[in-house]
Protein backbone atom coordinates (compact mmCIF):
# COMPACT_ATOMS: atom_id res chain seq x y z
CA MET A 1 -16.21 73.57 -3.03
CA SER A 2 -15.66 72.35 0.54
CA SER A 3 -13.62 69.25 1.20
CA ILE A 4 -15.13 65.89 2.05
CA ALA A 5 -14.40 64.53 5.52
CA LEU A 6 -15.09 60.90 6.43
CA VAL A 7 -15.60 59.87 10.06
CA THR A 8 -15.74 56.14 10.76
CA GLY A 9 -17.99 55.29 13.68
CA GLY A 10 -19.51 58.74 13.26
CA ASN A 11 -23.04 57.93 14.30
CA ARG A 12 -22.54 58.36 18.05
CA GLY A 13 -20.17 59.38 20.82
CA ILE A 14 -16.87 61.03 19.98
CA GLY A 15 -17.33 60.27 16.26
CA LEU A 16 -20.61 62.17 16.10
CA ALA A 17 -19.05 65.13 17.94
CA ILE A 18 -16.16 65.10 15.45
CA ALA A 19 -18.62 65.00 12.54
CA HIS A 20 -20.45 68.04 13.91
CA SER A 21 -17.17 69.93 14.40
CA LEU A 22 -16.06 69.17 10.85
CA ALA A 23 -19.43 70.31 9.48
CA GLU A 24 -19.22 73.53 11.50
CA ALA A 25 -15.77 74.11 9.97
CA GLY A 26 -17.34 73.94 6.51
CA HIS A 27 -16.60 70.38 5.43
CA ARG A 28 -19.08 68.04 3.78
CA VAL A 29 -19.21 65.14 6.22
CA VAL A 30 -19.68 61.44 5.59
CA VAL A 31 -20.17 59.20 8.61
CA THR A 32 -19.96 55.45 8.62
CA TYR A 33 -21.68 53.16 11.05
CA ARG A 34 -22.00 49.42 11.58
CA THR A 35 -24.79 49.38 14.15
CA GLY A 36 -27.23 51.88 15.55
CA ALA A 37 -29.03 54.67 13.79
CA ALA A 38 -27.60 56.67 10.91
CA PRO A 39 -27.57 60.40 11.63
CA SER A 40 -29.71 62.25 9.10
CA GLU A 41 -27.64 65.45 9.06
CA PHE A 42 -24.73 63.78 7.23
CA LEU A 43 -24.23 61.40 4.35
CA ALA A 44 -24.35 58.12 6.28
CA VAL A 45 -22.91 54.93 4.82
CA LYS A 46 -23.09 51.52 6.45
CA MET A 47 -19.62 50.00 6.76
CA ASP A 48 -18.01 47.17 8.68
CA VAL A 49 -14.42 48.38 9.09
CA THR A 50 -13.23 44.82 9.72
CA SER A 51 -14.26 43.71 6.22
CA THR A 52 -12.20 44.79 3.22
CA GLU A 53 -15.21 44.11 0.99
CA SER A 54 -17.48 46.30 3.11
CA VAL A 55 -14.89 49.10 3.18
CA GLU A 56 -14.45 48.94 -0.61
CA ALA A 57 -18.23 48.98 -1.16
CA ALA A 58 -18.64 51.94 1.20
CA PHE A 59 -15.88 53.90 -0.54
CA ALA A 60 -17.48 53.15 -3.92
CA GLU A 61 -20.82 54.48 -2.60
CA ILE A 62 -19.17 57.63 -1.20
CA GLU A 63 -17.26 58.17 -4.45
CA SER A 64 -20.43 57.83 -6.54
CA LYS A 65 -22.40 60.27 -4.36
CA TRP A 66 -19.87 62.92 -3.40
CA GLY A 67 -16.36 62.02 -4.52
CA THR A 68 -13.26 61.03 -2.61
CA PRO A 69 -12.68 62.14 1.00
CA GLU A 70 -9.71 64.45 1.50
CA ILE A 71 -9.91 63.90 5.26
CA ILE A 72 -10.42 60.65 7.12
CA VAL A 73 -10.95 60.36 10.84
CA ALA A 74 -10.50 56.68 11.70
CA ASN A 75 -12.59 56.70 14.84
CA ALA A 76 -14.59 53.43 14.89
CA GLY A 77 -13.78 51.46 18.01
CA ILE A 78 -15.10 49.01 20.57
CA THR A 79 -14.22 47.65 23.99
CA LYS A 80 -14.58 44.13 25.31
CA ASP A 81 -12.85 44.41 28.65
CA ALA A 82 -11.66 41.62 30.91
CA ARG A 83 -8.65 40.94 33.06
CA LEU A 84 -5.91 39.05 31.23
CA VAL A 85 -6.71 35.75 32.97
CA ASN A 86 -10.38 36.01 32.00
CA MET A 87 -10.16 37.48 28.49
CA THR A 88 -11.48 35.19 25.81
CA GLU A 89 -10.02 34.83 22.36
CA GLU A 90 -13.28 36.23 20.96
CA GLN A 91 -12.97 39.36 23.09
CA PHE A 92 -9.35 39.82 22.10
CA ASP A 93 -9.93 39.24 18.38
CA ALA A 94 -13.02 41.45 18.14
CA VAL A 95 -11.22 44.48 19.57
CA ILE A 96 -8.11 43.88 17.44
CA ASP A 97 -10.28 43.56 14.32
CA VAL A 98 -12.26 46.77 14.82
CA ASN A 99 -9.74 49.05 16.54
CA LEU A 100 -6.59 48.06 14.66
CA LYS A 101 -7.47 46.24 11.45
CA GLY A 102 -10.35 48.68 10.87
CA VAL A 103 -7.99 51.68 10.96
CA PHE A 104 -5.66 49.87 8.55
CA ASN A 105 -8.47 48.89 6.15
CA CYS A 106 -10.02 52.35 5.93
CA THR A 107 -6.74 54.21 5.66
CA GLN A 108 -5.37 51.84 3.04
CA ALA A 109 -8.55 52.33 0.99
CA VAL A 110 -8.30 56.15 0.89
CA VAL A 111 -4.53 56.67 0.62
CA PRO A 112 -4.24 55.93 -3.13
CA TYR A 113 -6.67 58.82 -3.80
CA MET A 114 -4.73 61.10 -1.47
CA LEU A 115 -1.45 60.16 -3.15
CA GLN A 116 -2.94 60.94 -6.54
CA ALA A 117 -4.17 64.33 -5.27
CA GLY A 118 -0.88 65.05 -3.50
CA CYS A 119 -2.64 66.01 -0.29
CA GLY A 120 -4.90 64.74 2.44
CA SER A 121 -5.29 64.39 6.17
CA ILE A 122 -5.49 61.17 8.18
CA VAL A 123 -6.47 61.38 11.84
CA SER A 124 -6.66 58.17 13.86
CA ALA A 125 -8.33 57.83 17.23
CA SER A 126 -5.95 56.34 19.76
CA SER A 127 -6.31 56.75 23.53
CA VAL A 128 -4.38 57.55 26.67
CA VAL A 129 -4.85 53.84 27.35
CA GLY A 130 -2.53 53.23 24.39
CA LEU A 131 0.12 55.29 26.15
CA TYR A 132 -0.31 54.13 29.75
CA GLY A 133 -2.32 50.89 29.72
CA ASN A 134 -5.39 50.27 31.84
CA PHE A 135 -6.57 47.50 34.11
CA GLY A 136 -8.72 44.97 32.23
CA GLN A 137 -7.95 46.40 28.80
CA THR A 138 -5.13 44.27 27.37
CA ASN A 139 -6.80 44.13 23.95
CA TYR A 140 -7.87 47.79 23.86
CA ALA A 141 -4.48 49.09 25.04
CA ALA A 142 -2.70 46.99 22.42
CA THR A 143 -4.87 48.38 19.63
CA LYS A 144 -4.49 51.98 20.71
CA TYR A 145 -0.72 51.59 21.05
CA GLY A 146 -0.74 49.99 17.59
CA VAL A 147 -2.59 53.00 16.16
CA ILE A 148 0.23 55.22 17.45
CA GLY A 149 2.68 52.93 15.63
CA PHE A 150 0.62 53.17 12.44
CA THR A 151 0.59 56.94 12.75
CA THR A 152 4.34 57.41 13.14
CA THR A 153 5.04 54.97 10.30
CA TRP A 154 2.48 56.49 7.93
CA ALA A 155 3.65 60.02 8.74
CA ARG A 156 7.12 59.01 7.53
CA GLU A 157 5.75 57.27 4.43
CA LEU A 158 3.09 59.79 3.46
CA GLY A 159 4.23 63.13 4.89
CA PRO A 160 6.75 63.74 2.08
CA LYS A 161 3.86 63.16 -0.36
CA GLY A 162 1.75 65.97 1.13
CA ILE A 163 -0.45 63.85 3.41
CA ARG A 164 -0.69 64.78 7.09
CA VAL A 165 -1.00 61.84 9.48
CA ASN A 166 -1.85 62.34 13.15
CA ALA A 167 -3.35 60.48 16.08
CA VAL A 168 -5.32 61.87 18.98
CA CYS A 169 -5.17 60.25 22.42
CA PRO A 170 -8.22 61.37 24.39
CA GLY A 171 -8.74 60.41 27.99
CA PHE A 172 -12.00 59.03 29.30
CA VAL A 173 -15.02 60.70 27.71
CA GLU A 174 -18.53 59.88 28.88
CA THR A 175 -19.98 58.05 25.86
CA ASN A 176 -21.77 54.70 25.46
CA ILE A 177 -18.41 52.92 25.02
CA LEU A 178 -17.78 53.59 28.76
CA ALA A 179 -21.16 52.25 29.86
CA SER A 180 -19.69 48.84 30.66
CA MET A 181 -16.86 50.26 32.78
CA PRO A 182 -17.24 50.62 36.55
């Protein structure tokens, strides 16, 4: 039987492209979404990555329908850009909650199953902005740099247990997340 791959934020943009690639590679794909339409070609589960309760409920639903994911692509992310002097606390907190806490919540929820199985793959979406920074993206850059920190730490913790942990750092890709950028 093919493995189960979970893509957070998999209903559009890069996440949807990842979901299609995983399906083409023979995986059964689960996508999560918080807003927007659920794609009909995958098992779609509503999840707010910022809420531990929502993450736990989504994992329970996935488990009851298909089983436990062997692969997780922590892709859900948002931008709320502003120059440092203009950034509001709400903008800062929202991006931290989705892009950083969301990766933590979803990964923490699936790792016990991966540890029990002795294998698994965790892929987190970072960004070149996490490596180099970008004008008007203090909050976004911090989260994407933090994801790189998560990845190196978790690779050390989980690698010896048979779980691969990686991050990808794409550059700018024309998706709806870039619509607000000049």
